[in-house]
Protein backbone atom coordinates (compact mmCIF):
# COMPACT_ATOMS: atom_id res chain seq x y z
CA UNK A 1 102.86 112.66 117.58
CA UNK A 2 102.45 116.31 118.54
CA UNK A 3 100.86 115.58 121.92
CA UNK A 4 102.94 114.41 124.82
CA UNK A 5 102.06 111.01 126.25
CA UNK A 6 100.48 112.72 129.23
CA UNK A 7 98.31 114.92 127.00
CA UNK A 8 97.37 111.93 124.85
CA UNK A 9 96.30 109.91 127.88
CA UNK A 10 94.37 112.75 129.54
CA UNK A 11 92.55 113.59 126.31
CA UNK A 12 91.66 109.93 125.89
CA UNK A 13 90.41 109.69 129.46
CA UNK A 14 88.51 112.95 128.99
CA UNK A 15 86.19 111.25 126.54
CA UNK A 16 85.01 108.90 129.30
CA UNK A 17 85.20 110.90 132.53
CA UNK A 18 84.72 114.52 133.51
CA UNK A 19 86.83 114.02 136.61
CA UNK A 20 90.14 115.53 135.54
CA UNK A 21 91.68 114.94 138.95
CA UNK A 22 90.95 111.23 138.70
CA UNK A 23 92.32 111.03 135.16
CA UNK A 24 95.50 112.77 136.29
CA UNK A 25 95.92 110.36 139.21
CA UNK A 26 95.67 107.43 136.78
CA UNK A 27 98.35 108.98 134.60
CA UNK A 28 100.63 109.64 137.54
CA UNK A 29 100.42 105.98 138.58
CA UNK A 30 101.21 104.85 135.04
CA UNK A 31 104.09 107.30 134.72
CA UNK A 32 105.54 106.12 138.03
CA UNK A 33 105.42 102.49 136.88
CA UNK A 34 106.91 103.09 133.45
CA UNK A 35 109.76 105.20 134.80
CA UNK A 36 111.01 102.66 137.35
CA UNK A 37 114.80 102.33 137.35
CA UNK A 38 114.55 98.74 136.11
CA UNK A 39 112.81 99.86 132.90
CA UNK A 40 115.37 100.07 130.12
CA UNK A 41 113.13 99.12 127.20
CA UNK A 42 109.61 98.62 128.56
CA UNK A 43 109.24 102.29 129.42
CA UNK A 44 107.52 105.42 128.15
CA UNK A 45 109.59 105.42 124.97
CA UNK A 46 108.10 102.03 124.08
CA UNK A 47 104.62 103.52 124.44
CA UNK A 48 105.58 106.48 122.25
CA UNK A 49 106.85 104.15 119.57
CA UNK A 50 103.66 102.09 119.60
CA UNK A 51 101.39 105.14 119.44
CA UNK A 52 103.48 106.55 116.61
CA UNK A 53 103.04 103.26 114.80
CA UNK A 54 99.28 103.38 115.31
CA UNK A 55 99.20 106.87 113.83
CA UNK A 56 101.40 105.67 110.97
CA UNK A 57 98.93 103.02 109.84
CA UNK A 58 95.94 105.28 110.37
CA UNK A 59 93.27 104.95 113.04
CA UNK A 60 90.60 104.40 110.38
CA UNK A 61 91.94 100.88 109.90
CA UNK A 62 90.79 99.97 113.39
CA UNK A 63 87.24 99.83 114.66
CA UNK A 64 88.47 100.13 118.24
CA UNK A 65 91.06 102.90 118.25
CA UNK A 66 90.40 103.98 121.83
CA UNK A 67 90.63 100.39 123.07
CA UNK A 68 93.95 100.06 121.26
CA UNK A 69 95.23 103.27 122.81
CA UNK A 70 94.20 102.23 126.30
CA UNK A 71 95.77 98.81 125.71
CA UNK A 72 99.02 100.46 124.63
CA UNK A 73 99.12 102.65 127.72
CA UNK A 74 98.47 99.77 130.11
CA UNK A 75 99.93 96.66 128.46
CA UNK A 76 103.34 96.84 130.22
CA UNK A 77 102.26 98.82 133.28
CA UNK A 78 103.29 95.90 135.48
CA UNK A 79 106.62 94.49 134.37
CA UNK A 80 108.83 92.16 136.37
CA UNK A 81 111.08 89.82 134.38
CA UNK A 82 110.88 87.21 137.15
CA UNK A 83 107.08 86.90 136.95
CA UNK A 84 104.79 85.26 134.40
CA UNK A 85 101.64 87.24 135.17
CA UNK A 86 102.69 90.74 134.10
CA UNK A 87 100.04 91.02 131.38
CA UNK A 88 97.29 89.82 133.72
CA UNK A 89 98.34 92.30 136.39
CA UNK A 90 98.59 95.09 133.82
CA UNK A 91 95.09 94.27 132.59
CA UNK A 92 93.86 94.30 136.18
CA UNK A 93 95.22 97.82 136.64
CA UNK A 94 93.55 98.92 133.41
CA UNK A 95 90.25 97.46 134.58
CA UNK A 96 90.60 99.15 137.96
CA UNK A 97 91.30 102.56 136.40
CA UNK A 98 88.78 102.43 133.57
CA UNK A 99 86.11 100.85 135.74
CA UNK A 100 85.61 104.32 137.20
CA UNK A 101 84.86 105.76 133.74
CA UNK A 102 82.16 105.27 131.11
CA UNK A 103 84.48 103.35 128.77
CA UNK A 104 82.61 100.25 127.60
CA UNK A 105 85.48 98.40 125.94
CA UNK A 106 87.21 97.13 129.07
CA UNK A 107 86.73 93.44 128.27
CA UNK A 108 88.11 93.86 124.77
CA UNK A 109 90.97 96.01 126.06
CA UNK A 110 91.84 93.17 128.45
CA UNK A 111 91.97 90.79 125.48
CA UNK A 112 94.38 93.10 123.69
CA UNK A 113 96.66 93.36 126.72
CA UNK A 114 96.64 89.67 127.56
CA UNK A 115 97.30 88.85 123.91
CA UNK A 116 100.73 90.46 124.15
CA UNK A 117 101.91 87.64 126.46
CA UNK A 118 102.03 84.96 123.76
CA UNK A 119 101.43 87.27 120.79
CA UNK A 120 98.31 85.37 119.80
CA UNK A 121 95.49 87.08 117.96
CA UNK A 122 91.88 86.41 117.01
CA UNK A 123 90.81 89.61 115.23
CA UNK A 124 92.07 92.59 113.23
CA UNK A 125 92.54 94.90 116.19
CA UNK A 126 94.58 92.28 118.03
CA UNK A 127 96.68 91.86 114.87
CA UNK A 128 97.43 95.58 115.01
CA UNK A 129 98.26 95.44 118.73
CA UNK A 130 100.65 92.53 118.23
CA UNK A 131 102.40 94.24 115.32
CA UNK A 132 102.77 97.51 117.20
CA UNK A 133 104.29 95.70 120.16
CA UNK A 134 106.80 93.89 117.93
CA UNK A 135 107.58 96.78 115.58
CA UNK A 136 111.00 97.29 117.19
CA UNK A 137 112.11 94.02 115.59
CA UNK A 138 111.89 95.59 112.14
CA UNK A 139 113.68 98.87 112.86
CA UNK A 140 117.04 99.93 111.47
CA UNK A 141 120.02 97.98 112.77
CA UNK A 142 121.24 100.65 115.19
CA UNK A 143 117.81 100.98 116.82
CA UNK A 144 117.44 97.23 117.05
CA UNK A 145 120.88 96.93 118.63
CA UNK A 146 119.93 99.53 121.24
CA UNK A 147 116.79 97.52 121.95
CA UNK A 148 118.89 94.38 122.42
CA UNK A 149 121.18 96.13 124.89
CA UNK A 150 118.23 97.48 126.85
CA UNK A 151 116.53 94.08 127.02
CA UNK A 152 119.77 92.59 128.32
CA UNK A 153 119.86 95.27 131.03
CA UNK A 154 116.34 94.35 132.10
CA UNK A 155 117.51 90.76 132.52
CA UNK A 156 120.75 91.83 134.15
CA UNK A 157 120.24 89.61 137.19
CA UNK A 158 120.77 86.53 135.01
CA UNK A 159 124.28 85.32 134.08
CA UNK A 160 125.28 85.40 130.44
CA UNK A 161 124.87 81.69 129.71
CA UNK A 162 121.32 81.68 131.08
CA UNK A 163 120.35 84.83 129.21
CA UNK A 164 121.78 83.59 125.91
CA UNK A 165 119.90 80.30 126.22
CA UNK A 166 116.58 82.01 126.85
CA UNK A 167 117.12 84.73 124.28
CA UNK A 168 118.03 82.25 121.55
CA UNK A 169 114.80 80.39 122.25
CA UNK A 170 112.82 83.60 121.78
CA UNK A 171 114.62 84.52 118.57
CA UNK A 172 114.14 81.08 117.06
CA UNK A 173 110.46 81.18 118.00
CA UNK A 174 109.95 84.26 115.85
CA UNK A 175 112.16 83.10 113.01
CA UNK A 176 110.29 79.82 112.71
CA UNK A 177 107.02 81.61 112.06
CA UNK A 178 105.80 81.92 108.49
CA UNK A 179 105.19 85.59 109.26
CA UNK A 180 106.42 87.60 112.23
CA UNK A 181 103.90 90.34 111.54
CA UNK A 182 100.20 90.02 110.79
CA UNK A 183 99.05 93.17 109.04
CA UNK A 184 99.87 94.10 105.44
CA UNK A 185 101.55 97.35 106.48
CA UNK A 186 104.01 95.69 108.85
CA UNK A 187 104.64 92.71 106.59
CA UNK A 188 105.50 95.01 103.70
CA UNK A 189 107.60 97.47 105.70
CA UNK A 190 109.11 95.52 108.60
CA UNK A 191 109.14 91.77 107.95
CA UNK A 192 112.36 91.45 105.97
CA UNK A 193 114.36 93.75 108.21
CA UNK A 194 113.03 91.99 111.32
CA UNK A 195 114.30 88.67 110.04
CA UNK A 196 117.67 90.20 109.25
CA UNK A 197 117.89 91.70 112.76
CA UNK A 198 116.82 88.51 114.49
CA UNK A 199 119.24 86.35 112.51
CA UNK A 200 122.07 88.78 113.20
CA UNK A 201 121.39 88.74 116.94
CA UNK A 202 121.07 84.96 116.95
CA UNK A 203 124.48 84.63 115.31
CA UNK A 204 125.98 87.00 117.88
CA UNK A 205 124.76 84.74 120.69
CA UNK A 206 126.25 81.54 119.28
């Protein structure tokens, strides 16, 4: 990804609004949210990783590349580990920002964002979005371990026994699936390593 996230977002917005000042204000709000001190994993680096993954599989495999990009930028804009409506609030912000542009895929973009709550999918583009969001699970061990440490930091207000209980439930949820990933690319390149990482973390929490 040769463009910075800021450049990527402004170029994307530029296709749907000629108001550069407005586009910049939208970016500045997003940047402020994703750089909050409480963000150890759900930050700008997470967005970079997802966009890199989208480029890796090739935009031609998606009929809604711009919707996917907007969904990536907004899907964790609102993130509070104590709340259950982060995805809804993030989608609301997306709708507020893009409602001032000519982008016609807002409803579908909302579907993509809200789908990341339960990682449920109903079409090919949502499959891609889900896999991009979960790609960290199938990274090399050292990257996965860094992810684990950062997630723990985000839940730092919870004592160890509570965190371990909740985390084990999440890990088992993924491991009990026939497939963690949905697209051929991620199944072929990430599935096995994801299962190894998840099992290793689960054992460490026992």
